[in-house]
Amino acid sequence: MAQQTSDFEIDEVTLAAAKRGDLPALERIYRQFQRPAFSVAVRVCRCREMAQEVTQEAFITAFRRLGQFRGDAPFWGWLRRVVVNHAISAIRRLPQAEHQAFEAYQGAVAGDQDSLGRAMDLESALATLGDEDRIIVWLHDVEGYRHQEIAKLFGKTESFSKTRLARARQRLRALIQSQEAGVTASAY
């Protein structure tokens, strides 16, 4: 079930109450944004357990800093940035040799199998990238972050983001083309 655009909006009354520390308002915000926040965390971390921790930490941080939310941008954009920052920090704390678990996917209905196969191909291609490259591709191409924002998240220059994205896309393109060539060759 896809999220509706209205699912990512928050009314002013709930937000004002949450800023005052009203527990029912904070709970409404948590219930409304927990799934999309977890989804972003899973995409960045590639590990459900780590994503659960990241999501919880991100909500704690967001609720503590709710007074800093000015309302000049959508609440979900602000919260998503908090989640991404926590996910990147969690990945940086990992030993370099530690591998992340790969998620299992199931199609919701029989007609989803073809698109599911393409999604799995993309997921497996993304999994071959290093953490930084995979996160940069995801943030830029899926989440819509600009290079300047990505560079700020990593504490690097804008050219770092552009270069890493271009190289990662080139590797993905080559990998997907080789996979397609293998499928075409095996079909004959």
N, C-alpha and C. Protein backbone atom coordinates (compact mmCIF):
# COMPACT_ATOMS: atom_id res chain seq x y z
N MET A 1 0.84 -1.17 0.00
CA MET A 1 0.00 0.00 0.00
C MET A 1 0.89 1.24 0.00
N ALA A 2 0.73 2.09 -0.98
CA ALA A 2 1.56 3.27 -1.13
C ALA A 2 1.08 4.38 -0.20
N GLN A 3 2.01 5.20 0.22
CA GLN A 3 1.68 6.34 1.05
C GLN A 3 1.08 7.44 0.19
N GLN A 4 0.05 8.08 0.68
CA GLN A 4 -0.55 9.21 0.00
C GLN A 4 0.19 10.48 0.39
N THR A 5 0.18 11.48 -0.50
CA THR A 5 0.84 12.75 -0.21
C THR A 5 0.32 13.35 1.08
N SER A 6 -0.99 13.23 1.32
CA SER A 6 -1.58 13.80 2.54
C SER A 6 -1.07 13.10 3.80
N ASP A 7 -0.55 11.86 3.66
CA ASP A 7 -0.01 11.15 4.80
C ASP A 7 1.24 11.83 5.36
N PHE A 8 1.88 12.66 4.55
CA PHE A 8 3.13 13.30 4.95
C PHE A 8 2.91 14.74 5.41
N GLU A 9 1.68 15.14 5.58
CA GLU A 9 1.37 16.47 6.08
C GLU A 9 0.98 16.36 7.54
N ILE A 10 1.22 17.42 8.25
CA ILE A 10 0.87 17.44 9.68
C ILE A 10 0.13 18.74 9.95
N ASP A 11 -0.96 18.64 10.70
CA ASP A 11 -1.75 19.85 10.94
C ASP A 11 -1.08 20.73 12.00
N GLU A 12 -1.37 22.00 11.92
CA GLU A 12 -0.74 23.00 12.79
C GLU A 12 -1.06 22.77 14.27
N VAL A 13 -2.27 22.31 14.55
CA VAL A 13 -2.68 22.10 15.94
C VAL A 13 -1.84 20.98 16.57
N THR A 14 -1.69 19.87 15.84
CA THR A 14 -0.89 18.75 16.34
C THR A 14 0.56 19.18 16.52
N LEU A 15 1.08 19.91 15.55
CA LEU A 15 2.47 20.36 15.63
C LEU A 15 2.68 21.29 16.82
N ALA A 16 1.77 22.23 17.02
CA ALA A 16 1.89 23.16 18.15
C ALA A 16 1.82 22.41 19.48
N ALA A 17 0.91 21.45 19.56
CA ALA A 17 0.79 20.66 20.80
C ALA A 17 2.05 19.84 21.03
N ALA A 18 2.59 19.27 19.98
CA ALA A 18 3.81 18.47 20.10
C ALA A 18 4.98 19.33 20.56
N LYS A 19 5.07 20.54 20.04
CA LYS A 19 6.14 21.45 20.46
C LYS A 19 6.05 21.79 21.94
N ARG A 20 4.83 21.75 22.48
CA ARG A 20 4.63 22.00 23.92
C ARG A 20 4.87 20.74 24.75
N GLY A 21 5.15 19.60 24.07
CA GLY A 21 5.42 18.36 24.78
C GLY A 21 4.20 17.51 25.04
N ASP A 22 3.09 17.78 24.37
CA ASP A 22 1.86 17.02 24.53
C ASP A 22 2.06 15.59 24.02
N LEU A 23 2.00 14.61 24.93
CA LEU A 23 2.29 13.22 24.58
C LEU A 23 1.36 12.64 23.51
N PRO A 24 0.04 12.87 23.58
CA PRO A 24 -0.82 12.35 22.50
C PRO A 24 -0.46 12.94 21.12
N ALA A 25 -0.06 14.18 21.07
CA ALA A 25 0.35 14.79 19.80
C ALA A 25 1.64 14.17 19.30
N LEU A 26 2.59 13.96 20.20
CA LEU A 26 3.84 13.30 19.82
C LEU A 26 3.58 11.88 19.32
N GLU A 27 2.65 11.19 19.97
CA GLU A 27 2.31 9.83 19.54
C GLU A 27 1.67 9.84 18.15
N ARG A 28 0.79 10.81 17.87
CA ARG A 28 0.18 10.92 16.54
C ARG A 28 1.26 11.13 15.48
N ILE A 29 2.21 11.97 15.77
CA ILE A 29 3.31 12.22 14.82
C ILE A 29 4.10 10.94 14.61
N TYR A 30 4.41 10.27 15.71
CA TYR A 30 5.18 9.03 15.59
C TYR A 30 4.44 8.00 14.74
N ARG A 31 3.17 7.79 15.04
CA ARG A 31 2.38 6.79 14.30
C ARG A 31 2.26 7.16 12.81
N GLN A 32 2.16 8.44 12.52
CA GLN A 32 2.01 8.88 11.14
C GLN A 32 3.31 8.74 10.34
N PHE A 33 4.45 8.98 10.97
CA PHE A 33 5.71 9.03 10.23
C PHE A 33 6.65 7.86 10.50
N GLN A 34 6.28 6.93 11.36
CA GLN A 34 7.18 5.84 11.71
C GLN A 34 7.50 4.97 10.51
N ARG A 35 6.51 4.58 9.74
CA ARG A 35 6.76 3.70 8.59
C ARG A 35 7.62 4.36 7.52
N PRO A 36 7.30 5.57 7.07
CA PRO A 36 8.18 6.17 6.07
C PRO A 36 9.59 6.43 6.60
N ALA A 37 9.72 6.77 7.87
CA ALA A 37 11.04 6.99 8.46
C ALA A 37 11.82 5.68 8.48
N PHE A 38 11.17 4.60 8.87
CA PHE A 38 11.81 3.29 8.89
C PHE A 38 12.22 2.87 7.47
N SER A 39 11.37 3.15 6.50
CA SER A 39 11.67 2.81 5.11
C SER A 39 12.94 3.51 4.63
N VAL A 40 13.06 4.78 4.95
CA VAL A 40 14.27 5.53 4.57
C VAL A 40 15.48 4.94 5.28
N ALA A 41 15.33 4.63 6.56
CA ALA A 41 16.45 4.08 7.33
C ALA A 41 16.89 2.72 6.76
N VAL A 42 15.95 1.88 6.38
CA VAL A 42 16.30 0.58 5.79
C VAL A 42 17.05 0.78 4.48
N ARG A 43 16.61 1.72 3.68
CA ARG A 43 17.26 1.97 2.39
C ARG A 43 18.70 2.44 2.59
N VAL A 44 18.93 3.23 3.57
CA VAL A 44 20.29 3.74 3.80
C VAL A 44 21.15 2.69 4.49
N CYS A 45 20.60 2.03 5.49
CA CYS A 45 21.38 1.08 6.30
C CYS A 45 21.47 -0.32 5.72
N ARG A 46 20.47 -0.74 4.99
CA ARG A 46 20.36 -2.10 4.43
C ARG A 46 20.28 -3.17 5.51
N CYS A 47 19.85 -2.83 6.66
CA CYS A 47 19.76 -3.79 7.76
C CYS A 47 18.56 -3.38 8.62
N ARG A 48 17.58 -4.30 8.73
CA ARG A 48 16.35 -3.97 9.46
C ARG A 48 16.61 -3.63 10.92
N GLU A 49 17.48 -4.38 11.57
CA GLU A 49 17.74 -4.13 12.98
C GLU A 49 18.38 -2.76 13.19
N MET A 50 19.37 -2.45 12.36
CA MET A 50 20.01 -1.14 12.46
C MET A 50 19.00 -0.04 12.14
N ALA A 51 18.16 -0.28 11.14
CA ALA A 51 17.15 0.72 10.75
C ALA A 51 16.16 0.98 11.87
N GLN A 52 15.80 -0.07 12.62
CA GLN A 52 14.90 0.12 13.76
C GLN A 52 15.55 1.03 14.81
N GLU A 53 16.81 0.78 15.10
CA GLU A 53 17.53 1.61 16.07
C GLU A 53 17.65 3.05 15.57
N VAL A 54 18.01 3.18 14.30
CA VAL A 54 18.16 4.51 13.71
C VAL A 54 16.83 5.27 13.77
N THR A 55 15.74 4.59 13.44
CA THR A 55 14.42 5.24 13.46
C THR A 55 14.08 5.72 14.86
N GLN A 56 14.31 4.87 15.86
CA GLN A 56 14.02 5.28 17.24
C GLN A 56 14.87 6.47 17.67
N GLU A 57 16.17 6.40 17.38
CA GLU A 57 17.07 7.50 17.73
C GLU A 57 16.66 8.79 17.01
N ALA A 58 16.26 8.65 15.76
CA ALA A 58 15.87 9.83 14.99
C ALA A 58 14.62 10.48 15.57
N PHE A 59 13.65 9.69 15.98
CA PHE A 59 12.44 10.26 16.59
C PHE A 59 12.76 10.93 17.92
N ILE A 60 13.63 10.32 18.70
CA ILE A 60 14.01 10.94 19.98
C ILE A 60 14.66 12.29 19.71
N THR A 61 15.58 12.32 18.76
CA THR A 61 16.24 13.59 18.40
C THR A 61 15.23 14.59 17.87
N ALA A 62 14.37 14.15 16.97
CA ALA A 62 13.38 15.06 16.38
C ALA A 62 12.47 15.64 17.44
N PHE A 63 12.00 14.81 18.37
CA PHE A 63 11.11 15.31 19.41
C PHE A 63 11.82 16.28 20.35
N ARG A 64 13.10 16.03 20.61
CA ARG A 64 13.87 16.95 21.46
C ARG A 64 14.10 18.29 20.76
N ARG A 65 14.23 18.25 19.44
CA ARG A 65 14.53 19.45 18.66
C ARG A 65 13.33 19.99 17.91
N LEU A 66 12.15 19.57 18.28
CA LEU A 66 10.94 19.99 17.58
C LEU A 66 10.77 21.51 17.58
N GLY A 67 11.27 22.16 18.60
CA GLY A 67 11.20 23.62 18.67
C GLY A 67 12.03 24.29 17.58
N GLN A 68 13.00 23.58 17.01
CA GLN A 68 13.83 24.13 15.94
C GLN A 68 13.14 24.06 14.58
N PHE A 69 12.07 23.26 14.48
CA PHE A 69 11.34 23.17 13.22
C PHE A 69 10.55 24.46 13.03
N ARG A 70 10.91 25.21 11.97
CA ARG A 70 10.32 26.52 11.74
C ARG A 70 9.05 26.46 10.90
N GLY A 71 8.84 25.38 10.18
CA GLY A 71 7.63 25.26 9.38
C GLY A 71 7.74 25.87 8.01
N ASP A 72 8.94 26.33 7.60
CA ASP A 72 9.09 26.92 6.27
C ASP A 72 9.30 25.86 5.20
N ALA A 73 9.40 24.60 5.61
CA ALA A 73 9.50 23.46 4.69
C ALA A 73 8.58 22.37 5.26
N PRO A 74 8.24 21.37 4.46
CA PRO A 74 7.37 20.30 4.98
C PRO A 74 8.01 19.58 6.16
N PHE A 75 7.18 19.18 7.11
CA PHE A 75 7.67 18.48 8.29
C PHE A 75 8.37 17.19 7.91
N TRP A 76 7.80 16.44 6.94
CA TRP A 76 8.41 15.18 6.54
C TRP A 76 9.82 15.39 6.00
N GLY A 77 10.07 16.45 5.26
CA GLY A 77 11.41 16.73 4.76
C GLY A 77 12.40 16.95 5.89
N TRP A 78 11.96 17.66 6.91
CA TRP A 78 12.80 17.92 8.08
C TRP A 78 13.08 16.62 8.83
N LEU A 79 12.04 15.83 9.07
CA LEU A 79 12.20 14.57 9.79
C LEU A 79 13.05 13.59 8.98
N ARG A 80 12.85 13.54 7.67
CA ARG A 80 13.63 12.64 6.82
C ARG A 80 15.11 12.96 6.91
N ARG A 81 15.44 14.25 6.96
CA ARG A 81 16.83 14.65 7.10
C ARG A 81 17.41 14.16 8.43
N VAL A 82 16.63 14.23 9.49
CA VAL A 82 17.07 13.72 10.80
C VAL A 82 17.35 12.22 10.70
N VAL A 83 16.45 11.48 10.05
CA VAL A 83 16.61 10.03 9.89
C VAL A 83 17.88 9.72 9.08
N VAL A 84 18.06 10.42 7.97
CA VAL A 84 19.23 10.18 7.11
C VAL A 84 20.52 10.49 7.87
N ASN A 85 20.54 11.58 8.61
CA ASN A 85 21.74 11.92 9.40
C ASN A 85 22.06 10.82 10.41
N HIS A 86 21.05 10.30 11.07
CA HIS A 86 21.28 9.22 12.04
C HIS A 86 21.75 7.96 11.33
N ALA A 87 21.18 7.66 10.18
CA ALA A 87 21.58 6.45 9.44
C ALA A 87 23.03 6.54 8.98
N ILE A 88 23.42 7.68 8.46
CA ILE A 88 24.80 7.86 8.01
C ILE A 88 25.76 7.75 9.20
N SER A 89 25.39 8.34 10.31
CA SER A 89 26.23 8.24 11.51
C SER A 89 26.35 6.79 11.98
N ALA A 90 25.26 6.04 11.92
CA ALA A 90 25.29 4.64 12.34
C ALA A 90 26.21 3.82 11.43
N ILE A 91 26.16 4.08 10.14
CA ILE A 91 27.02 3.35 9.20
C ILE A 91 28.48 3.71 9.44
N ARG A 92 28.76 4.95 9.72
CA ARG A 92 30.14 5.37 9.96
C ARG A 92 30.72 4.72 11.21
N ARG A 93 29.87 4.36 12.17
CA ARG A 93 30.34 3.72 13.41
C ARG A 93 30.65 2.24 13.21
N LEU A 94 30.21 1.66 12.08
CA LEU A 94 30.45 0.24 11.83
C LEU A 94 31.90 -0.01 11.46
N PRO A 95 32.43 -1.17 11.85
CA PRO A 95 33.74 -1.56 11.34
C PRO A 95 33.64 -1.73 9.82
N GLN A 96 34.67 -1.38 9.08
CA GLN A 96 34.62 -1.42 7.63
C GLN A 96 34.35 -2.81 7.08
N ALA A 97 34.78 -3.86 7.75
CA ALA A 97 34.63 -5.21 7.23
C ALA A 97 33.25 -5.81 7.49
N GLU A 98 32.44 -5.15 8.31
CA GLU A 98 31.13 -5.72 8.65
C GLU A 98 30.20 -5.62 7.46
N HIS A 99 29.51 -6.71 7.17
CA HIS A 99 28.58 -6.75 6.04
C HIS A 99 27.16 -6.58 6.56
N GLN A 100 26.33 -5.95 5.75
CA GLN A 100 24.94 -5.74 6.11
C GLN A 100 24.08 -6.87 5.56
N ALA A 101 22.99 -7.16 6.25
CA ALA A 101 22.05 -8.18 5.77
C ALA A 101 21.30 -7.65 4.56
N PHE A 102 21.00 -8.54 3.63
CA PHE A 102 20.23 -8.17 2.44
C PHE A 102 18.78 -8.54 2.69
N GLU A 103 17.88 -7.66 2.32
CA GLU A 103 16.46 -7.84 2.58
C GLU A 103 15.83 -8.83 1.62
N ALA A 104 14.86 -9.61 2.09
CA ALA A 104 14.09 -10.49 1.24
C ALA A 104 12.85 -9.73 0.75
N TYR A 105 12.47 -9.97 -0.50
CA TYR A 105 11.34 -9.26 -1.09
C TYR A 105 10.29 -10.25 -1.55
N GLN A 106 9.02 -9.87 -1.39
CA GLN A 106 7.92 -10.68 -1.90
C GLN A 106 6.95 -9.76 -2.61
N GLY A 107 6.43 -10.21 -3.73
CA GLY A 107 5.44 -9.42 -4.47
C GLY A 107 4.11 -9.46 -3.75
N ALA A 108 3.39 -8.35 -3.73
CA ALA A 108 2.10 -8.27 -3.06
C ALA A 108 1.04 -9.05 -3.84
N VAL A 109 1.07 -8.94 -5.15
CA VAL A 109 0.13 -9.66 -6.01
C VAL A 109 0.91 -10.26 -7.17
N ALA A 110 0.28 -11.22 -7.84
CA ALA A 110 0.97 -11.94 -8.91
C ALA A 110 1.48 -11.00 -10.00
N GLY A 111 0.77 -9.94 -10.33
CA GLY A 111 1.18 -9.00 -11.38
C GLY A 111 2.40 -8.18 -11.02
N ASP A 112 2.78 -8.18 -9.76
CA ASP A 112 3.92 -7.40 -9.31
C ASP A 112 5.25 -8.11 -9.55
N GLN A 113 5.22 -9.36 -9.97
CA GLN A 113 6.44 -10.14 -10.07
C GLN A 113 7.46 -9.56 -11.05
N ASP A 114 6.99 -9.05 -12.20
CA ASP A 114 7.92 -8.48 -13.19
C ASP A 114 8.61 -7.24 -12.64
N SER A 115 7.83 -6.32 -12.07
CA SER A 115 8.44 -5.12 -11.50
C SER A 115 9.26 -5.47 -10.27
N LEU A 116 8.84 -6.50 -9.56
CA LEU A 116 9.61 -6.96 -8.41
C LEU A 116 10.98 -7.46 -8.85
N GLY A 117 11.02 -8.18 -9.96
CA GLY A 117 12.29 -8.67 -10.49
C GLY A 117 13.23 -7.53 -10.84
N ARG A 118 12.69 -6.49 -11.47
CA ARG A 118 13.51 -5.32 -11.80
C ARG A 118 14.00 -4.62 -10.53
N ALA A 119 13.14 -4.54 -9.54
CA ALA A 119 13.53 -3.91 -8.28
C ALA A 119 14.63 -4.72 -7.60
N MET A 120 14.52 -6.05 -7.66
CA MET A 120 15.55 -6.90 -7.06
C MET A 120 16.87 -6.76 -7.81
N ASP A 121 16.81 -6.63 -9.15
CA ASP A 121 18.02 -6.42 -9.92
C ASP A 121 18.69 -5.12 -9.49
N LEU A 122 17.90 -4.07 -9.35
CA LEU A 122 18.45 -2.79 -8.93
C LEU A 122 18.99 -2.88 -7.51
N GLU A 123 18.25 -3.54 -6.62
CA GLU A 123 18.71 -3.70 -5.24
C GLU A 123 20.04 -4.46 -5.20
N SER A 124 20.14 -5.54 -5.97
CA SER A 124 21.39 -6.30 -5.96
C SER A 124 22.53 -5.50 -6.58
N ALA A 125 22.22 -4.70 -7.60
CA ALA A 125 23.25 -3.84 -8.19
C ALA A 125 23.70 -2.79 -7.19
N LEU A 126 22.75 -2.17 -6.49
CA LEU A 126 23.09 -1.18 -5.48
C LEU A 126 23.91 -1.80 -4.35
N ALA A 127 23.62 -3.06 -4.03
CA ALA A 127 24.34 -3.74 -2.95
C ALA A 127 25.81 -3.94 -3.27
N THR A 128 26.17 -3.90 -4.56
CA THR A 128 27.59 -4.08 -4.92
C THR A 128 28.39 -2.81 -4.68
N LEU A 129 27.71 -1.69 -4.53
CA LEU A 129 28.40 -0.42 -4.29
C LEU A 129 28.83 -0.33 -2.83
N GLY A 130 29.84 0.47 -2.59
CA GLY A 130 30.25 0.77 -1.22
C GLY A 130 29.16 1.58 -0.54
N ASP A 131 29.19 1.64 0.78
CA ASP A 131 28.15 2.34 1.53
C ASP A 131 27.97 3.79 1.09
N GLU A 132 29.06 4.53 0.98
CA GLU A 132 28.94 5.95 0.60
C GLU A 132 28.33 6.10 -0.77
N ASP A 133 28.80 5.32 -1.75
CA ASP A 133 28.27 5.43 -3.11
C ASP A 133 26.79 5.07 -3.15
N ARG A 134 26.42 3.98 -2.48
CA ARG A 134 25.03 3.54 -2.46
C ARG A 134 24.14 4.61 -1.82
N ILE A 135 24.59 5.19 -0.72
CA ILE A 135 23.80 6.22 -0.04
C ILE A 135 23.67 7.45 -0.92
N ILE A 136 24.74 7.84 -1.59
CA ILE A 136 24.69 9.02 -2.46
C ILE A 136 23.72 8.79 -3.61
N VAL A 137 23.77 7.61 -4.24
CA VAL A 137 22.83 7.30 -5.32
C VAL A 137 21.41 7.35 -4.79
N TRP A 138 21.18 6.74 -3.66
CA TRP A 138 19.83 6.70 -3.10
C TRP A 138 19.34 8.10 -2.75
N LEU A 139 20.16 8.87 -2.06
CA LEU A 139 19.73 10.21 -1.65
C LEU A 139 19.45 11.10 -2.86
N HIS A 140 20.31 11.05 -3.86
CA HIS A 140 20.15 11.92 -5.02
C HIS A 140 19.03 11.46 -5.94
N ASP A 141 19.07 10.20 -6.34
CA ASP A 141 18.15 9.71 -7.37
C ASP A 141 16.77 9.32 -6.86
N VAL A 142 16.68 8.92 -5.61
CA VAL A 142 15.39 8.48 -5.08
C VAL A 142 14.79 9.52 -4.14
N GLU A 143 15.58 9.98 -3.20
CA GLU A 143 15.06 10.93 -2.21
C GLU A 143 15.04 12.36 -2.73
N GLY A 144 15.78 12.64 -3.80
CA GLY A 144 15.74 13.97 -4.39
C GLY A 144 16.64 15.01 -3.73
N TYR A 145 17.62 14.56 -3.00
CA TYR A 145 18.56 15.50 -2.39
C TYR A 145 19.43 16.14 -3.48
N ARG A 146 19.82 17.38 -3.25
CA ARG A 146 20.75 18.06 -4.17
C ARG A 146 22.18 17.77 -3.73
N HIS A 147 23.12 17.96 -4.66
CA HIS A 147 24.52 17.66 -4.35
C HIS A 147 25.02 18.47 -3.15
N GLN A 148 24.58 19.70 -3.05
CA GLN A 148 24.99 20.55 -1.93
C GLN A 148 24.54 19.94 -0.59
N GLU A 149 23.32 19.41 -0.56
CA GLU A 149 22.81 18.81 0.67
C GLU A 149 23.57 17.52 1.01
N ILE A 150 23.85 16.71 -0.01
CA ILE A 150 24.58 15.47 0.20
C ILE A 150 25.99 15.76 0.72
N ALA A 151 26.63 16.74 0.10
CA ALA A 151 27.98 17.11 0.52
C ALA A 151 27.99 17.54 1.98
N LYS A 152 26.99 18.30 2.38
CA LYS A 152 26.89 18.76 3.76
C LYS A 152 26.71 17.58 4.72
N LEU A 153 25.90 16.59 4.33
CA LEU A 153 25.68 15.41 5.17
C LEU A 153 26.98 14.63 5.40
N PHE A 154 27.82 14.57 4.37
CA PHE A 154 29.07 13.82 4.47
C PHE A 154 30.24 14.68 4.92
N GLY A 155 30.02 15.98 5.06
CA GLY A 155 31.11 16.87 5.45
C GLY A 155 32.16 17.00 4.37
N LYS A 156 31.72 16.96 3.12
CA LYS A 156 32.62 17.02 1.97
C LYS A 156 32.19 18.16 1.05
N THR A 157 32.89 18.26 -0.09
CA THR A 157 32.55 19.29 -1.07
C THR A 157 31.46 18.80 -2.00
N GLU A 158 30.86 19.73 -2.71
CA GLU A 158 29.83 19.40 -3.68
C GLU A 158 30.39 18.53 -4.80
N SER A 159 31.64 18.78 -5.20
CA SER A 159 32.25 17.98 -6.26
C SER A 159 32.44 16.53 -5.82
N PHE A 160 32.63 16.30 -4.52
CA PHE A 160 32.69 14.94 -3.98
C PHE A 160 31.41 14.19 -4.32
N SER A 161 30.27 14.83 -4.05
CA SER A 161 28.98 14.21 -4.31
C SER A 161 28.78 13.95 -5.80
N LYS A 162 29.10 14.92 -6.62
CA LYS A 162 28.92 14.78 -8.07
C LYS A 162 29.81 13.68 -8.63
N THR A 163 31.06 13.65 -8.21
CA THR A 163 31.99 12.64 -8.71
C THR A 163 31.58 11.25 -8.27
N ARG A 164 31.26 11.08 -7.00
CA ARG A 164 30.87 9.76 -6.50
C ARG A 164 29.59 9.28 -7.18
N LEU A 165 28.64 10.19 -7.39
CA LEU A 165 27.39 9.81 -8.07
C LEU A 165 27.67 9.36 -9.50
N ALA A 166 28.48 10.11 -10.22
CA ALA A 166 28.79 9.76 -11.62
C ALA A 166 29.49 8.41 -11.69
N ARG A 167 30.44 8.17 -10.83
CA ARG A 167 31.16 6.89 -10.84
C ARG A 167 30.25 5.73 -10.43
N ALA A 168 29.41 5.95 -9.45
CA ALA A 168 28.49 4.90 -9.01
C ALA A 168 27.49 4.56 -10.11
N ARG A 169 26.96 5.58 -10.76
CA ARG A 169 26.03 5.34 -11.87
C ARG A 169 26.71 4.56 -12.99
N GLN A 170 27.95 4.89 -13.27
CA GLN A 170 28.70 4.19 -14.32
C GLN A 170 28.85 2.71 -13.95
N ARG A 171 29.19 2.43 -12.71
CA ARG A 171 29.32 1.04 -12.26
C ARG A 171 27.98 0.31 -12.33
N LEU A 172 26.92 0.99 -11.90
CA LEU A 172 25.58 0.38 -11.95
C LEU A 172 25.17 0.08 -13.39
N ARG A 173 25.40 1.04 -14.27
CA ARG A 173 25.05 0.86 -15.68
C ARG A 173 25.77 -0.36 -16.27
N ALA A 174 27.07 -0.46 -16.00
CA ALA A 174 27.86 -1.58 -16.52
C ALA A 174 27.37 -2.90 -15.94
N LEU A 175 27.06 -2.93 -14.65
CA LEU A 175 26.59 -4.15 -14.01
C LEU A 175 25.24 -4.58 -14.57
N ILE A 176 24.33 -3.65 -14.69
CA ILE A 176 22.99 -3.98 -15.20
C ILE A 176 23.07 -4.42 -16.66
N GLN A 177 23.92 -3.78 -17.45
CA GLN A 177 24.08 -4.18 -18.85
C GLN A 177 24.65 -5.59 -18.94
N SER A 178 25.60 -5.91 -18.07
CA SER A 178 26.17 -7.26 -18.10
C SER A 178 25.14 -8.30 -17.64
N GLN A 179 24.28 -7.94 -16.69
CA GLN A 179 23.21 -8.84 -16.25
C GLN A 179 22.21 -9.07 -17.38
N GLU A 180 21.83 -7.98 -18.07
CA GLU A 180 20.90 -8.11 -19.19
C GLU A 180 21.49 -8.93 -20.33
N ALA A 181 22.77 -8.76 -20.59
CA ALA A 181 23.44 -9.53 -21.64
C ALA A 181 23.45 -11.01 -21.26
N GLY A 182 23.66 -11.32 -20.00
CA GLY A 182 23.64 -12.70 -19.53
C GLY A 182 22.27 -13.33 -19.66
N VAL A 183 21.21 -12.56 -19.35
CA VAL A 183 19.85 -13.06 -19.47
C VAL A 183 19.51 -13.30 -20.92
N THR A 184 19.90 -12.39 -21.81
CA THR A 184 19.62 -12.52 -23.25
C THR A 184 20.34 -13.74 -23.80
N ALA A 185 21.60 -13.94 -23.42
CA ALA A 185 22.39 -15.06 -23.92
C ALA A 185 21.82 -16.39 -23.44
N SER A 186 21.34 -16.43 -22.19
CA SER A 186 20.81 -17.69 -21.66
C SER A 186 19.43 -18.01 -22.23
N ALA A 187 18.74 -17.04 -22.80
CA ALA A 187 17.42 -17.25 -23.37
C ALA A 187 17.50 -18.01 -24.69
N TYR A 188 18.66 -18.01 -25.35
CA TYR A 188 18.80 -18.68 -26.67
C TYR A 188 19.40 -20.03 -26.55
